[in-house]
Amino acid sequence: MSDGSSVSGSSNKDKLLGLQGNQQARDDSPGVPPWESKPSSAAPASPADPVSAAIPVPESPSADSPEAAYPVPVPVAKPRNGKGVAALVCGLLGLIPFPITGFWLSLVAIIIGWQGYKRAERGEATNSGVALTGFILGIVGLGIQAFVGLGLWLSSG
């Protein structure tokens, strides 16, 4: 019977060592559970500060640990592409030859397209091509609206 208790006792001790990581078993203090023992690499706490004695000191991760291999990602702001898309839509709609709404949509496409392009240059947006296309379509649409308006004015008089 003593063989069975000795084998189970050593396997339990091995399990406790496996749960503790790289801490060593402390046979010199049998009354203290292993999870309450301090690792040998921790700095001794001063007796005047009982709070720091109760707080464990975390060890810095080694080069082989998974914590050192995967750094914490820094959150990045989402690109603000709304003005570029709005300029493209207004520029496309401004190409339709309506005398009043086409003029205003083309004008809005020019203004918003330029603002979206500048926003992309500053790095706040990622769609500089879309914003620039909306800006150019706004200029072309403004030209179309000018020819349509001129044609309507000449045909009415």
N, C-alpha and C. Protein backbone atom coordinates (compact mmCIF):
# COMPACT_ATOMS: atom_id res chain seq x y z
N MET A 1 0.81 -1.20 0.00
CA MET A 1 0.00 0.00 0.00
C MET A 1 0.84 1.26 0.00
N SER A 2 1.97 1.20 0.63
CA SER A 2 2.80 2.38 0.66
C SER A 2 3.35 2.69 -0.73
N ASP A 3 3.51 1.66 -1.60
CA ASP A 3 3.95 1.93 -2.97
C ASP A 3 2.91 2.73 -3.73
N GLY A 4 1.64 2.40 -3.55
CA GLY A 4 0.57 3.10 -4.26
C GLY A 4 0.46 4.55 -3.82
N SER A 5 0.58 4.83 -2.51
CA SER A 5 0.48 6.21 -2.05
C SER A 5 1.69 7.01 -2.46
N SER A 6 2.84 6.34 -2.53
CA SER A 6 4.05 7.04 -2.93
C SER A 6 3.98 7.43 -4.41
N VAL A 7 3.44 6.54 -5.23
CA VAL A 7 3.34 6.82 -6.66
C VAL A 7 2.32 7.94 -6.89
N SER A 8 1.17 7.87 -6.22
CA SER A 8 0.16 8.92 -6.42
C SER A 8 0.65 10.24 -5.84
N GLY A 9 1.41 10.18 -4.75
CA GLY A 9 1.95 11.41 -4.18
C GLY A 9 2.94 12.09 -5.11
N SER A 10 3.78 11.31 -5.76
CA SER A 10 4.75 11.91 -6.67
C SER A 10 4.05 12.41 -7.93
N SER A 11 3.00 11.73 -8.38
CA SER A 11 2.31 12.22 -9.58
C SER A 11 1.55 13.51 -9.28
N ASN A 12 1.00 13.61 -8.09
CA ASN A 12 0.34 14.87 -7.71
C ASN A 12 1.34 16.00 -7.63
N LYS A 13 2.51 15.70 -7.11
CA LYS A 13 3.56 16.71 -7.02
C LYS A 13 3.99 17.14 -8.42
N ASP A 14 4.08 16.17 -9.34
CA ASP A 14 4.43 16.50 -10.72
C ASP A 14 3.35 17.35 -11.37
N LYS A 15 2.10 17.06 -11.08
CA LYS A 15 1.01 17.86 -11.62
C LYS A 15 1.06 19.29 -11.10
N LEU A 16 1.35 19.44 -9.81
CA LEU A 16 1.46 20.78 -9.24
C LEU A 16 2.62 21.54 -9.87
N LEU A 17 3.72 20.86 -10.11
CA LEU A 17 4.85 21.52 -10.75
C LEU A 17 4.49 21.94 -12.17
N GLY A 18 3.73 21.10 -12.88
CA GLY A 18 3.32 21.44 -14.24
C GLY A 18 2.38 22.63 -14.26
N LEU A 19 1.53 22.76 -13.26
CA LEU A 19 0.60 23.89 -13.20
C LEU A 19 1.31 25.18 -12.85
N GLN A 20 2.42 25.09 -12.13
CA GLN A 20 3.11 26.29 -11.69
C GLN A 20 4.09 26.83 -12.72
N GLY A 21 4.29 26.15 -13.79
CA GLY A 21 5.23 26.65 -14.80
C GLY A 21 6.65 26.31 -14.40
N ASN A 22 7.51 27.29 -14.30
CA ASN A 22 8.92 27.04 -14.01
C ASN A 22 9.27 27.29 -12.55
N GLN A 23 8.29 27.28 -11.64
CA GLN A 23 8.60 27.44 -10.22
C GLN A 23 9.10 26.11 -9.67
N GLN A 24 9.93 26.17 -8.71
CA GLN A 24 10.49 24.97 -8.08
C GLN A 24 9.64 24.59 -6.87
N ALA A 25 9.59 23.30 -6.60
CA ALA A 25 8.84 22.83 -5.43
C ALA A 25 9.61 23.22 -4.17
N ARG A 26 8.86 23.57 -3.16
CA ARG A 26 9.51 23.98 -1.91
C ARG A 26 9.21 22.91 -0.86
N ASP A 27 10.17 22.04 -0.65
CA ASP A 27 10.01 20.99 0.34
C ASP A 27 10.37 21.48 1.73
N ASP A 28 11.04 22.65 1.84
CA ASP A 28 11.47 23.13 3.15
C ASP A 28 10.31 23.72 3.95
N SER A 29 9.21 24.09 3.32
CA SER A 29 8.05 24.62 4.06
C SER A 29 6.82 23.81 3.69
N PRO A 30 6.58 22.70 4.35
CA PRO A 30 5.47 21.82 3.99
C PRO A 30 4.10 22.40 4.33
N GLY A 31 4.01 23.39 5.19
CA GLY A 31 2.72 23.95 5.56
C GLY A 31 2.19 24.98 4.57
N VAL A 32 3.04 25.44 3.65
CA VAL A 32 2.64 26.46 2.69
C VAL A 32 2.30 25.79 1.36
N PRO A 33 1.10 26.03 0.82
CA PRO A 33 0.77 25.43 -0.48
C PRO A 33 1.69 25.99 -1.57
N PRO A 34 1.95 25.23 -2.60
CA PRO A 34 2.90 25.66 -3.63
C PRO A 34 2.45 26.91 -4.38
N TRP A 35 1.14 27.13 -4.53
CA TRP A 35 0.68 28.31 -5.27
C TRP A 35 0.84 29.59 -4.48
N GLU A 36 1.08 29.49 -3.18
CA GLU A 36 1.32 30.68 -2.37
C GLU A 36 2.81 30.97 -2.19
N SER A 37 3.64 30.06 -2.62
CA SER A 37 5.07 30.30 -2.47
C SER A 37 5.52 31.29 -3.52
N LYS A 38 6.51 32.10 -3.17
CA LYS A 38 7.01 33.12 -4.07
C LYS A 38 8.10 32.51 -4.94
N PRO A 39 8.14 32.90 -6.23
CA PRO A 39 9.23 32.41 -7.06
C PRO A 39 10.56 32.99 -6.58
N SER A 40 11.61 32.24 -6.84
CA SER A 40 12.92 32.65 -6.34
C SER A 40 13.44 33.90 -7.03
N SER A 41 12.93 34.23 -8.26
CA SER A 41 13.45 35.39 -8.99
C SER A 41 12.78 36.70 -8.57
N ALA A 42 11.71 36.63 -7.76
CA ALA A 42 11.02 37.86 -7.36
C ALA A 42 11.86 38.61 -6.33
N ALA A 43 11.78 39.92 -6.40
CA ALA A 43 12.52 40.75 -5.45
C ALA A 43 11.84 40.66 -4.08
N PRO A 44 12.58 40.63 -3.02
CA PRO A 44 11.96 40.55 -1.70
C PRO A 44 11.25 41.86 -1.37
N ALA A 45 10.07 41.74 -0.77
CA ALA A 45 9.29 42.92 -0.42
C ALA A 45 9.82 43.49 0.89
N SER A 46 9.70 44.78 1.01
CA SER A 46 10.15 45.41 2.24
C SER A 46 9.14 45.15 3.33
N PRO A 47 9.57 44.94 4.55
CA PRO A 47 8.61 44.65 5.62
C PRO A 47 7.74 45.85 5.96
N ALA A 48 8.14 47.05 5.57
CA ALA A 48 7.34 48.22 5.88
C ALA A 48 6.15 48.36 4.94
N ASP A 49 6.13 47.68 3.81
CA ASP A 49 5.06 47.80 2.83
C ASP A 49 4.38 46.44 2.64
N PRO A 50 3.35 46.13 3.46
CA PRO A 50 2.71 44.81 3.36
C PRO A 50 1.88 44.66 2.09
N VAL A 51 1.46 45.76 1.46
CA VAL A 51 0.64 45.66 0.26
C VAL A 51 1.46 45.13 -0.90
N SER A 52 2.68 45.63 -1.07
CA SER A 52 3.51 45.16 -2.17
C SER A 52 3.94 43.72 -1.97
N ALA A 53 3.95 43.24 -0.74
CA ALA A 53 4.31 41.85 -0.50
C ALA A 53 3.21 40.92 -1.00
N ALA A 54 1.95 41.37 -1.02
CA ALA A 54 0.85 40.53 -1.44
C ALA A 54 0.67 40.55 -2.96
N ILE A 55 1.19 41.55 -3.66
CA ILE A 55 1.03 41.66 -5.10
C ILE A 55 2.20 40.97 -5.78
N PRO A 56 1.91 39.98 -6.65
CA PRO A 56 3.02 39.31 -7.33
C PRO A 56 3.63 40.22 -8.39
N VAL A 57 4.92 40.08 -8.60
CA VAL A 57 5.64 40.88 -9.59
C VAL A 57 5.64 40.11 -10.90
N PRO A 58 5.04 40.66 -11.98
CA PRO A 58 5.04 39.93 -13.25
C PRO A 58 6.43 39.94 -13.88
N GLU A 59 6.77 38.83 -14.50
CA GLU A 59 8.06 38.74 -15.15
C GLU A 59 7.91 39.24 -16.58
N SER A 60 8.95 39.86 -17.10
CA SER A 60 8.90 40.32 -18.48
C SER A 60 8.98 39.11 -19.41
N PRO A 61 8.24 39.16 -20.55
CA PRO A 61 8.25 38.00 -21.44
C PRO A 61 9.62 37.82 -22.10
N SER A 62 10.01 36.58 -22.19
CA SER A 62 11.29 36.30 -22.84
C SER A 62 11.11 36.31 -24.35
N ALA A 63 12.19 36.23 -25.08
CA ALA A 63 12.13 36.28 -26.55
C ALA A 63 11.44 35.04 -27.11
N ASP A 64 11.42 33.94 -26.36
CA ASP A 64 10.81 32.70 -26.86
C ASP A 64 9.34 32.59 -26.49
N SER A 65 8.82 33.49 -25.67
CA SER A 65 7.44 33.36 -25.22
C SER A 65 6.48 33.86 -26.30
N PRO A 66 5.25 33.35 -26.32
CA PRO A 66 4.27 33.80 -27.33
C PRO A 66 3.89 35.27 -27.16
N GLU A 67 3.98 35.82 -25.95
CA GLU A 67 3.62 37.22 -25.75
C GLU A 67 4.58 38.15 -26.48
N ALA A 68 5.86 37.77 -26.56
CA ALA A 68 6.83 38.60 -27.24
C ALA A 68 6.72 38.47 -28.75
N ALA A 69 6.22 37.34 -29.23
CA ALA A 69 6.13 37.11 -30.67
C ALA A 69 4.97 37.86 -31.30
N TYR A 70 3.90 38.10 -30.57
CA TYR A 70 2.71 38.75 -31.11
C TYR A 70 2.45 40.05 -30.37
N PRO A 71 2.88 41.18 -30.91
CA PRO A 71 2.62 42.45 -30.23
C PRO A 71 1.13 42.81 -30.31
N VAL A 72 0.71 43.62 -29.38
CA VAL A 72 -0.68 44.05 -29.34
C VAL A 72 -0.92 45.04 -30.48
N PRO A 73 -1.94 44.81 -31.33
CA PRO A 73 -2.17 45.73 -32.44
C PRO A 73 -2.71 47.07 -31.96
N VAL A 74 -2.28 48.12 -32.62
CA VAL A 74 -2.73 49.46 -32.30
C VAL A 74 -3.98 49.76 -33.13
N PRO A 75 -5.05 50.21 -32.51
CA PRO A 75 -6.26 50.50 -33.29
C PRO A 75 -6.02 51.63 -34.28
N VAL A 76 -6.50 51.45 -35.48
CA VAL A 76 -6.34 52.43 -36.54
C VAL A 76 -7.71 52.99 -36.89
N ALA A 77 -7.78 54.30 -37.09
CA ALA A 77 -9.05 54.92 -37.44
C ALA A 77 -9.48 54.47 -38.83
N LYS A 78 -10.78 54.28 -39.00
CA LYS A 78 -11.30 53.88 -40.29
C LYS A 78 -11.19 55.05 -41.26
N PRO A 79 -10.94 54.74 -42.54
CA PRO A 79 -10.87 55.82 -43.52
C PRO A 79 -12.24 56.46 -43.73
N ARG A 80 -12.24 57.76 -43.92
CA ARG A 80 -13.48 58.51 -44.11
C ARG A 80 -13.64 58.81 -45.59
N ASN A 81 -14.31 57.91 -46.31
CA ASN A 81 -14.42 57.98 -47.75
C ASN A 81 -15.74 58.56 -48.23
N GLY A 82 -16.53 59.10 -47.35
CA GLY A 82 -17.87 59.57 -47.73
C GLY A 82 -17.87 60.71 -48.73
N LYS A 83 -16.96 61.65 -48.58
CA LYS A 83 -16.96 62.81 -49.49
C LYS A 83 -16.57 62.41 -50.90
N GLY A 84 -15.64 61.50 -51.05
CA GLY A 84 -15.24 61.04 -52.38
C GLY A 84 -16.38 60.33 -53.09
N VAL A 85 -17.08 59.47 -52.37
CA VAL A 85 -18.21 58.74 -52.96
C VAL A 85 -19.34 59.71 -53.29
N ALA A 86 -19.62 60.65 -52.42
CA ALA A 86 -20.68 61.64 -52.68
C ALA A 86 -20.33 62.50 -53.89
N ALA A 87 -19.05 62.85 -54.05
CA ALA A 87 -18.63 63.64 -55.21
C ALA A 87 -18.81 62.84 -56.49
N LEU A 88 -18.50 61.56 -56.46
CA LEU A 88 -18.67 60.72 -57.64
C LEU A 88 -20.14 60.61 -58.03
N VAL A 89 -21.01 60.41 -57.06
CA VAL A 89 -22.44 60.29 -57.34
C VAL A 89 -22.99 61.61 -57.87
N CYS A 90 -22.63 62.72 -57.22
CA CYS A 90 -23.11 64.03 -57.69
C CYS A 90 -22.54 64.36 -59.07
N GLY A 91 -21.29 63.98 -59.33
CA GLY A 91 -20.69 64.22 -60.63
C GLY A 91 -21.38 63.43 -61.73
N LEU A 92 -21.72 62.17 -61.45
CA LEU A 92 -22.43 61.36 -62.43
C LEU A 92 -23.83 61.90 -62.70
N LEU A 93 -24.53 62.28 -61.63
CA LEU A 93 -25.89 62.83 -61.81
C LEU A 93 -25.84 64.21 -62.46
N GLY A 94 -24.75 64.95 -62.25
CA GLY A 94 -24.61 66.27 -62.86
C GLY A 94 -24.38 66.21 -64.36
N LEU A 95 -24.03 65.03 -64.88
CA LEU A 95 -23.85 64.88 -66.32
C LEU A 95 -25.18 64.83 -67.07
N ILE A 96 -26.25 64.51 -66.36
CA ILE A 96 -27.58 64.47 -66.99
C ILE A 96 -28.00 65.91 -67.25
N PRO A 97 -28.39 66.23 -68.49
CA PRO A 97 -28.65 67.64 -68.83
C PRO A 97 -29.99 68.17 -68.31
N PHE A 98 -30.05 68.45 -67.02
CA PHE A 98 -31.18 69.17 -66.43
C PHE A 98 -30.67 70.56 -66.10
N PRO A 99 -31.35 71.60 -66.54
CA PRO A 99 -30.81 72.95 -66.41
C PRO A 99 -30.55 73.40 -64.96
N ILE A 100 -31.43 73.10 -64.03
CA ILE A 100 -31.25 73.63 -62.68
C ILE A 100 -30.56 72.61 -61.77
N THR A 101 -31.10 71.40 -61.69
CA THR A 101 -30.53 70.42 -60.76
C THR A 101 -29.15 69.95 -61.22
N GLY A 102 -28.94 69.83 -62.50
CA GLY A 102 -27.63 69.41 -63.00
C GLY A 102 -26.55 70.40 -62.65
N PHE A 103 -26.87 71.70 -62.72
CA PHE A 103 -25.90 72.74 -62.35
C PHE A 103 -25.50 72.61 -60.89
N TRP A 104 -26.50 72.48 -60.02
CA TRP A 104 -26.20 72.42 -58.59
C TRP A 104 -25.48 71.13 -58.21
N LEU A 105 -25.89 70.01 -58.84
CA LEU A 105 -25.20 68.75 -58.55
C LEU A 105 -23.75 68.80 -59.01
N SER A 106 -23.49 69.41 -60.15
CA SER A 106 -22.11 69.54 -60.63
C SER A 106 -21.30 70.44 -59.71
N LEU A 107 -21.90 71.51 -59.25
CA LEU A 107 -21.20 72.42 -58.34
C LEU A 107 -20.87 71.72 -57.02
N VAL A 108 -21.82 70.95 -56.49
CA VAL A 108 -21.59 70.19 -55.25
C VAL A 108 -20.49 69.15 -55.48
N ALA A 109 -20.49 68.50 -56.66
CA ALA A 109 -19.46 67.50 -56.95
C ALA A 109 -18.08 68.12 -56.98
N ILE A 110 -17.97 69.34 -57.51
CA ILE A 110 -16.68 70.02 -57.55
C ILE A 110 -16.19 70.32 -56.13
N ILE A 111 -17.07 70.88 -55.32
CA ILE A 111 -16.67 71.28 -53.95
C ILE A 111 -16.33 70.05 -53.09
N ILE A 112 -17.24 69.09 -53.08
CA ILE A 112 -17.04 67.91 -52.23
C ILE A 112 -15.90 67.05 -52.76
N GLY A 113 -15.75 66.98 -54.08
CA GLY A 113 -14.66 66.20 -54.66
C GLY A 113 -13.31 66.75 -54.27
N TRP A 114 -13.18 68.08 -54.27
CA TRP A 114 -11.90 68.68 -53.86
C TRP A 114 -11.62 68.45 -52.37
N GLN A 115 -12.68 68.57 -51.55
CA GLN A 115 -12.50 68.32 -50.12
C GLN A 115 -12.12 66.86 -49.86
N GLY A 116 -12.76 65.93 -50.58
CA GLY A 116 -12.43 64.51 -50.43
C GLY A 116 -11.03 64.19 -50.89
N TYR A 117 -10.58 64.87 -51.97
CA TYR A 117 -9.22 64.66 -52.46
C TYR A 117 -8.20 65.16 -51.44
N LYS A 118 -8.44 66.31 -50.85
CA LYS A 118 -7.53 66.83 -49.83
C LYS A 118 -7.52 65.94 -48.58
N ARG A 119 -8.68 65.41 -48.25
CA ARG A 119 -8.75 64.49 -47.10
C ARG A 119 -7.92 63.24 -47.37
N ALA A 120 -7.95 62.76 -48.61
CA ALA A 120 -7.16 61.58 -48.97
C ALA A 120 -5.67 61.91 -48.97
N GLU A 121 -5.30 63.12 -49.36
CA GLU A 121 -3.89 63.52 -49.31
C GLU A 121 -3.36 63.57 -47.88
N ARG A 122 -4.21 63.96 -46.93
CA ARG A 122 -3.81 64.01 -45.52
C ARG A 122 -3.77 62.63 -44.89
N GLY A 123 -4.29 61.63 -45.59
CA GLY A 123 -4.28 60.27 -45.06
C GLY A 123 -5.52 59.91 -44.28
N GLU A 124 -6.53 60.77 -44.29
CA GLU A 124 -7.76 60.48 -43.56
C GLU A 124 -8.70 59.62 -44.38
N ALA A 125 -8.50 59.52 -45.69
CA ALA A 125 -9.32 58.71 -46.58
C ALA A 125 -8.41 57.92 -47.50
N THR A 126 -8.98 56.91 -48.13
CA THR A 126 -8.18 56.05 -49.00
C THR A 126 -8.64 56.09 -50.45
N ASN A 127 -9.56 56.97 -50.79
CA ASN A 127 -10.15 56.96 -52.13
C ASN A 127 -9.87 58.26 -52.87
N SER A 128 -8.62 58.61 -53.01
CA SER A 128 -8.29 59.86 -53.71
C SER A 128 -8.71 59.81 -55.16
N GLY A 129 -8.62 58.64 -55.80
CA GLY A 129 -9.04 58.51 -57.19
C GLY A 129 -10.52 58.72 -57.38
N VAL A 130 -11.33 58.23 -56.45
CA VAL A 130 -12.77 58.40 -56.54
C VAL A 130 -13.13 59.87 -56.34
N ALA A 131 -12.50 60.52 -55.38
CA ALA A 131 -12.78 61.94 -55.13
C ALA A 131 -12.35 62.80 -56.31
N LEU A 132 -11.19 62.49 -56.88
CA LEU A 132 -10.71 63.25 -58.04
C LEU A 132 -11.60 63.02 -59.26
N THR A 133 -12.10 61.81 -59.43
CA THR A 133 -13.03 61.52 -60.52
C THR A 133 -14.32 62.29 -60.34
N GLY A 134 -14.83 62.36 -59.12
CA GLY A 134 -16.04 63.16 -58.86
C GLY A 134 -15.79 64.63 -59.13
N PHE A 135 -14.62 65.13 -58.78
CA PHE A 135 -14.26 66.53 -59.04
C PHE A 135 -14.24 66.80 -60.55
N ILE A 136 -13.60 65.93 -61.32
CA ILE A 136 -13.50 66.11 -62.77
C ILE A 136 -14.88 65.97 -63.42
N LEU A 137 -15.67 65.01 -62.97
CA LEU A 137 -17.02 64.86 -63.52
C LEU A 137 -17.87 66.08 -63.20
N GLY A 138 -17.64 66.70 -62.04
CA GLY A 138 -18.36 67.94 -61.70
C GLY A 138 -18.01 69.06 -62.67
N ILE A 139 -16.74 69.17 -63.05
CA ILE A 139 -16.33 70.21 -64.01
C ILE A 139 -16.94 69.92 -65.38
N VAL A 140 -16.89 68.65 -65.82
CA VAL A 140 -17.48 68.29 -67.11
C VAL A 140 -18.99 68.52 -67.08
N GLY A 141 -19.62 68.13 -66.00
CA GLY A 141 -21.08 68.35 -65.87
C GLY A 141 -21.43 69.82 -65.88
N LEU A 142 -20.60 70.65 -65.25
CA LEU A 142 -20.84 72.09 -65.26
C LEU A 142 -20.73 72.64 -66.69
N GLY A 143 -19.79 72.11 -67.46
CA GLY A 143 -19.68 72.51 -68.87
C GLY A 143 -20.89 72.08 -69.67
N ILE A 144 -21.37 70.86 -69.44
CA ILE A 144 -22.57 70.38 -70.14
C ILE A 144 -23.76 71.25 -69.78
N GLN A 145 -23.89 71.59 -68.49
CA GLN A 145 -25.02 72.41 -68.06
C GLN A 145 -24.94 73.81 -68.68
N ALA A 146 -23.72 74.31 -68.85
CA ALA A 146 -23.56 75.64 -69.48
C ALA A 146 -24.01 75.58 -70.94
N PHE A 147 -23.63 74.52 -71.67
CA PHE A 147 -24.07 74.40 -73.07
C PHE A 147 -25.58 74.20 -73.17
N VAL A 148 -26.15 73.40 -72.27
CA VAL A 148 -27.60 73.20 -72.29
C VAL A 148 -28.31 74.50 -71.95
N GLY A 149 -27.83 75.20 -70.94
CA GLY A 149 -28.45 76.48 -70.58
C GLY A 149 -28.32 77.50 -71.71
N LEU A 150 -27.17 77.55 -72.34
CA LEU A 150 -26.97 78.47 -73.47
C LEU A 150 -27.89 78.10 -74.62
N GLY A 151 -28.03 76.81 -74.90
CA GLY A 151 -28.94 76.37 -75.96
C GLY A 151 -30.38 76.72 -75.67
N LEU A 152 -30.80 76.54 -74.42
CA LEU A 152 -32.17 76.90 -74.04
C LEU A 152 -32.40 78.39 -74.13
N TRP A 153 -31.41 79.17 -73.76
CA TRP A 153 -31.55 80.61 -73.79
C TRP A 153 -31.61 81.13 -75.25
N LEU A 154 -30.78 80.53 -76.11
CA LEU A 154 -30.80 80.96 -77.51
C LEU A 154 -32.07 80.49 -78.23
N SER A 155 -32.60 79.33 -77.87
CA SER A 155 -33.80 78.83 -78.54
C SER A 155 -35.06 79.55 -78.08
N SER A 156 -35.06 80.13 -76.89
CA SER A 156 -36.25 80.82 -76.39
C SER A 156 -36.34 82.25 -76.92
N GLY A 157 -35.31 82.78 -77.44
CA GLY A 157 -35.30 84.20 -77.79
C GLY A 157 -35.24 84.47 -79.20
